[in-house]
Amino acid sequence: MLHFLALPVTEEISFVQPTLEQAEAIFNAVDNDRKHLGEFLDFIDTTKSIADEVAFLKMKITGEANGTDRLFLIYYQDQLAGSIDLHFIDQKNKKAEIGYWIYSGFANKGIVSASVRKICEIAFNDLHLNKLTLIADTENIASNKVAQKCGFTFVATDKDDVVRYGKFHDMNRYCLLKQDYVKNQ
């Protein structure tokens, strides 16, 4: 992890600012874990090459420059473990949505919960947002637990909200307001 800009999350977890040079490592992580990641994330189907990953990183880096995105790679013990981002950042209405993925070999270690808490801190304290949304497939027990553990409030189940592999999926929507985040600190 030498020469990457890193932000500590815990002693073992860091957020790393992505660069185009990391595209191959990110692609390899995704490519080697398609079954796990593809269960709930449809971007897997459109990430077929390193060039696809480069295009995605360029889009996110441009989004950060435009103020609509903030992407971090999650490193655990100096190994790429996943990514987390704020997207649909809306400064006028002071809100954004959180998204993430974790490599299966790093699941169930508390990495995602710690990462969500840290990105909430960044969103509320640095970006001065007021509301964060986290959306999880109703069948994704782990992501629903993360939202609850991190203090998000269940808002609704959006029926037949996403089509993945030709089938409609219901999605749970959670939100966290800055005032509730501050109370829990």
Protein backbone atom coordinates (compact mmCIF):
# COMPACT_ATOMS: atom_id res chain seq x y z
CA MET A 1 0.00 0.00 0.00
CA LEU A 2 3.00 2.26 -0.35
CA HIS A 3 2.47 5.66 -1.93
CA PHE A 4 -1.33 5.60 -1.79
CA LEU A 5 -3.18 8.32 0.07
CA ALA A 6 -4.77 6.51 3.00
CA LEU A 7 -7.18 7.55 5.72
CA PRO A 8 -7.21 5.36 8.83
CA VAL A 9 -10.57 3.89 9.82
CA THR A 10 -9.31 1.53 12.56
CA GLU A 11 -5.89 0.07 13.31
CA GLU A 12 -6.49 -2.58 10.62
CA ILE A 13 -8.76 -0.76 8.17
CA SER A 14 -7.91 2.15 5.89
CA PHE A 15 -9.67 4.05 3.15
CA VAL A 16 -7.41 4.52 0.15
CA GLN A 17 -8.04 7.14 -2.49
CA PRO A 18 -8.33 5.23 -5.78
CA THR A 19 -6.06 5.86 -8.73
CA LEU A 20 -6.17 4.50 -12.25
CA GLU A 21 -3.06 2.45 -11.44
CA GLN A 22 -5.18 0.35 -9.08
CA ALA A 23 -7.66 -0.65 -11.79
CA GLU A 24 -6.04 -4.03 -12.41
CA ALA A 25 -6.00 -4.98 -8.71
CA ILE A 26 -9.64 -3.90 -8.32
CA PHE A 27 -10.68 -5.77 -11.45
CA ASN A 28 -8.87 -8.92 -10.27
CA ALA A 29 -10.63 -8.74 -6.88
CA VAL A 30 -14.02 -8.40 -8.59
CA ASP A 31 -13.22 -11.02 -11.22
CA ASN A 32 -12.10 -13.58 -8.61
CA ASP A 33 -15.22 -13.09 -6.50
CA ARG A 34 -17.99 -12.81 -9.12
CA LYS A 35 -20.27 -15.39 -7.53
CA HIS A 36 -20.25 -13.68 -4.12
CA LEU A 37 -20.47 -10.11 -5.42
CA GLY A 38 -22.92 -10.89 -8.23
CA GLU A 39 -25.52 -12.24 -5.85
CA PHE A 40 -26.63 -8.67 -4.99
CA LEU A 41 -24.61 -6.33 -7.23
CA ASP A 42 -25.33 -5.97 -10.92
CA PHE A 43 -22.19 -4.00 -11.79
CA ILE A 44 -20.41 -7.35 -11.88
CA ASP A 45 -21.98 -8.11 -15.27
CA THR A 46 -20.64 -4.94 -16.86
CA THR A 47 -17.15 -5.24 -15.38
CA LYS A 48 -15.60 -7.62 -17.89
CA SER A 49 -12.10 -6.17 -18.30
CA ILE A 50 -9.50 -3.91 -16.76
CA ALA A 51 -10.63 -1.29 -19.29
CA ASP A 52 -14.13 -1.43 -17.76
CA GLU A 53 -12.63 -0.82 -14.33
CA VAL A 54 -10.55 2.09 -15.67
CA ALA A 55 -13.72 3.63 -17.16
CA PHE A 56 -15.53 3.21 -13.83
CA LEU A 57 -12.65 4.83 -11.91
CA LYS A 58 -12.54 7.74 -14.37
CA MET A 59 -16.28 8.23 -13.90
CA LYS A 60 -15.94 8.24 -10.10
CA ILE A 61 -12.87 10.51 -10.11
CA THR A 62 -14.72 12.93 -12.40
CA GLY A 63 -17.73 12.66 -10.08
CA GLU A 64 -15.55 13.59 -7.13
CA ALA A 65 -14.25 16.62 -9.04
CA ASN A 66 -17.87 17.56 -9.80
CA GLY A 67 -18.97 17.02 -6.19
CA THR A 68 -21.36 14.13 -6.92
CA ASP A 69 -19.24 11.15 -5.82
CA ARG A 70 -16.65 10.16 -3.22
CA LEU A 71 -15.07 6.71 -3.65
CA PHE A 72 -12.66 4.94 -1.32
CA LEU A 73 -11.02 1.56 -1.58
CA ILE A 74 -11.21 -0.39 1.66
CA TYR A 75 -7.94 -1.94 2.76
CA TYR A 76 -7.75 -4.44 5.62
CA GLN A 77 -4.29 -5.21 6.96
CA ASP A 78 -2.83 -3.57 3.84
CA GLN A 79 -4.85 -5.78 1.46
CA LEU A 80 -7.58 -4.59 -0.88
CA ALA A 81 -10.82 -5.78 0.72
CA GLY A 82 -13.53 -3.82 -1.11
CA SER A 83 -14.81 -0.33 -1.78
CA ILE A 84 -17.26 2.16 -0.36
CA ASP A 85 -18.65 5.33 -1.82
CA LEU A 86 -21.01 8.19 -1.50
CA HIS A 87 -22.93 8.70 -4.73
CA PHE A 88 -25.79 10.90 -5.85
CA ILE A 89 -24.29 13.59 -3.62
CA ASP A 90 -26.75 16.47 -3.70
CA GLN A 91 -25.28 19.53 -1.99
CA LYS A 92 -28.43 21.60 -2.54
CA ASN A 93 -30.53 19.12 -0.53
CA LYS A 94 -27.58 17.97 1.63
CA LYS A 95 -27.95 14.24 0.96
CA ALA A 96 -26.23 11.24 -0.61
CA GLU A 97 -26.47 7.47 -0.95
CA ILE A 98 -23.92 4.95 0.36
CA GLY A 99 -22.79 1.94 -1.63
CA TYR A 100 -20.16 -0.70 -0.93
CA TRP A 101 -18.86 -4.17 -1.70
CA ILE A 102 -16.58 -6.46 0.26
CA TYR A 103 -14.51 -9.36 -1.03
CA SER A 104 -15.89 -12.65 0.37
CA GLY A 105 -12.61 -13.45 2.12
CA PHE A 106 -13.06 -10.32 4.25
CA ALA A 107 -16.76 -10.74 5.10
CA ASN A 108 -17.96 -11.06 8.70
CA LYS A 109 -14.98 -9.21 10.20
CA GLY A 110 -16.79 -5.94 10.97
CA ILE A 111 -14.99 -4.19 8.09
CA VAL A 112 -18.16 -2.96 6.38
CA SER A 113 -19.75 -1.65 9.58
CA ALA A 114 -16.58 0.25 10.51
CA SER A 115 -16.35 1.58 6.95
CA VAL A 116 -19.98 2.73 6.90
CA ARG A 117 -19.48 4.53 10.22
CA LYS A 118 -16.39 6.28 8.84
CA ILE A 119 -18.06 7.35 5.61
CA CYS A 120 -20.96 8.72 7.68
CA GLU A 121 -18.44 10.78 9.63
CA ILE A 122 -16.98 12.11 6.37
CA ALA A 123 -20.43 12.84 4.93
CA PHE A 124 -21.74 14.68 7.97
CA ASN A 125 -18.61 16.41 9.25
CA ASP A 126 -16.60 17.11 6.11
CA LEU A 127 -19.24 17.37 3.38
CA HIS A 128 -21.87 18.86 5.74
CA LEU A 129 -24.62 16.59 4.48
CA ASN A 130 -27.82 16.10 6.46
CA LYS A 131 -29.14 12.76 5.20
CA LEU A 132 -27.63 9.48 4.05
CA THR A 133 -29.51 6.65 2.38
CA LEU A 134 -28.45 3.01 2.29
CA ILE A 135 -30.36 0.58 0.06
CA ALA A 136 -30.13 -3.19 0.56
CA ASP A 137 -31.80 -6.10 -1.17
CA THR A 138 -34.33 -7.62 1.24
CA GLU A 139 -32.53 -10.96 0.82
CA ASN A 140 -29.12 -9.46 1.65
CA ILE A 141 -29.19 -10.18 5.38
CA ALA A 142 -25.63 -8.91 5.95
CA SER A 143 -26.26 -5.47 4.40
CA ASN A 144 -29.54 -5.07 6.26
CA LYS A 145 -27.68 -5.83 9.51
CA VAL A 146 -24.98 -3.28 8.65
CA ALA A 147 -27.60 -0.56 8.19
CA GLN A 148 -29.20 -1.40 11.53
CA LYS A 149 -25.87 -1.67 13.41
CA CYS A 150 -24.78 1.68 12.07
CA GLY A 151 -27.88 3.48 13.34
CA PHE A 152 -29.83 3.80 10.10
CA THR A 153 -33.62 3.88 10.33
CA PHE A 154 -35.69 1.56 8.15
CA VAL A 155 -37.84 3.72 5.88
CA ALA A 156 -39.61 1.35 3.48
CA THR A 157 -39.42 -1.71 1.31
CA ASP A 158 -39.55 -0.71 -2.33
CA LYS A 159 -41.33 -3.60 -4.06
CA ASP A 160 -40.00 -4.88 -7.39
CA ASP A 161 -37.47 -2.03 -7.31
CA VAL A 162 -34.49 -3.61 -9.11
CA VAL A 163 -34.23 -6.13 -11.94
CA ARG A 164 -31.27 -8.47 -11.58
CA TYR A 165 -30.82 -11.50 -13.82
CA GLY A 166 -34.32 -11.06 -15.23
CA LYS A 167 -36.03 -11.11 -11.83
CA PHE A 168 -37.50 -8.25 -9.80
CA HIS A 169 -36.07 -7.73 -6.32
CA ASP A 170 -37.47 -5.84 -3.35
CA MET A 171 -35.12 -3.32 -1.77
CA ASN A 172 -35.06 -2.03 1.79
CA ARG A 173 -34.36 1.68 2.12
CA TYR A 174 -32.69 3.04 5.25
CA CYS A 175 -31.73 6.58 6.15
CA LEU A 176 -29.59 8.30 8.73
CA LEU A 177 -30.01 11.97 9.57
CA LYS A 178 -27.15 14.05 10.89
CA GLN A 179 -29.08 14.83 14.08
CA ASP A 180 -29.46 11.10 14.80
CA TYR A 181 -25.81 10.44 13.94
CA VAL A 182 -24.69 13.18 16.35
CA LYS A 183 -26.89 11.75 19.14
CA ASN A 184 -25.25 8.33 18.77
CA GLN A 185 -21.68 9.63 18.91
